[in-house]
Amino acid sequence: MSRPYSLRRRLVWLLTGSLATIWLLSALVVYQRAHREADELLDAQLTQVADTLLAIVSAGEVKHFAKELQHHSRHTPVPIAFEVWYGKHGQMRRLVTSMGHDGFDPGIVPGFNEREFQGVRWRFYAVQDADGKYRVVVGQAHGAREDLAREIGQSLLIPAALALPLMALAVWWGIGRNLRPVETVAHQVGALDAQALLPLDESPALPEEIAPLRTALNALIRRVNEAFENERRFTADAAHELRTPLAALKVQAQVASRAQTADSQQHALAQVIAGVDRMTHLVEQLLTLARVDPSTQGAAPPPLDPVEIVTAVCEELLPQAHRQRQILVVDAVAGCRIAITAAWLQVAVRNLLDNAVHYAGEGARIEVHLAPDRTDCVITVADNGPGVAPGLRSQLSARFVRGEVEAEGCGLGLSIVARIATLSHARLELGEGLSRVDGGRGFSATLRFNAVQHIGTVG
């Protein structure tokens, strides 16, 4: 079994880590961009200083400039080092140098140059006048540029480093606040009573991501309640139905054990056997009803033509109908396909026909019709027996409900058919059957399936 984990903790780490990573990448890009901008700015500064110095020395103000420079450098150190060269008769000599260094190498050519000076990387810029008489060289250690870039980086990183814990705290609080509906639903589910399941309160507003969960839970609770109620009703009714034949079997067995004559004993034993047969039929019907429970329904079955199944069931029950001198007429027309398992269809048709044989009475006429009807495939079992009052028909599909005719049975046949029809997306219709001599009408049961594919009509 896998260990539970904290969704809040995962989200906090994910969001905080993502924010920190994105910020660090952004800071790196900004730092590189600022470094380039600083290089351009300082290069422009070197150029401006060099051009200014060249203009001063070209105007003949070298001595005055040197005195002013030395005086200024004593009070305010200049971050840029420079020197002025003077050329005469092809020889260059150094006129002025900034304070703090002994002079640059003489081989610095005009333009920008980078080289080692006193063990440190420097960037130089050299310029000379048109006559080549004066040359000015200015330089700046790369350390100054790195210091500037470091200050920019620190100005970005330090506030973020201080803000990250606050961001994590804000994310933790925000996630916790938004996950409260989940905790609320969890508390409601935890407070449910297994003996009296009630749907969750749907009045509080929930986020769109959580509302479907509550809806699905309520739908599940309703289905579970319905299943529990059906099972409780089924258990109570089944216990009642089983209690009566068991008591009758006990009475008949007692009669057989106390019988004074062989004839009375044989009669009592025959009643016991008949009771056992009724019990067997009842148990078989109960097992059949359990097998067509919705929880046993799998994937949608492939379409089939019901004509062979209907014909086979009618042939199977034909001897039973003949024993009661009943006339069984079968009119099964091939012409449509329905989506139902063969076993379920066989059980449904057998129960409809068995119901007609049991309740139509001796000498009755029973007709079984199978034919396509527009977009439906219709199976009808009709008889000219006593019939069922209109007010009672709607109750016949309930468990353990029989019609008005006294006959052997357990009242589960139509209930099984109704369950199969529901699971197969079909309709069970109960109505008037065939006409009788006295002007009345018998009983009919019709299964109406949605036809999946018409394949032609065969006469």
Foldseek 3Di string as FASTA:
>chain_A
DDDDDDPLVVQLCVVLVVVVVVLVVVLVVVLVVVLVVLVVVVVVVQVVVQVVVQVCVVVVCLVVVQVVQVVVCVPPPDQKWKWKWFDDPRDIDTDHTHPDDDDDDPPDDAAWDWDDDPNFIKIKHKDHDPVRGMIMMMIHTCVVSVVVSVVSSCVSPVVVVVCSVVVSVVSSVVVVVLCVVVVVVVVQVVPADPVDGDQDDPPDDHDPVCSVVSVVVNVVSVVVVVVVVVVVVVVVLLVVLVVVLVVLLVVLVVQLVPPPDPVSNVVSVVVNVVSVVLVVQSVVLVVLLVCLPPVNDDDWADWDWCQVLLVVLCVVCVVVLVVLPEAEAEAAKTWFIATADSVLVNLLSNLQVVLCSFQQGRHKYWYWYWDDDVQKTKTKIFIFRPAADPVCVVVLLDFQDDGPGDTRDRSRSSVSNCSRCVSRVWDKDKDWGDADPVGGTHIMIMIIGGTPDTDDIDD
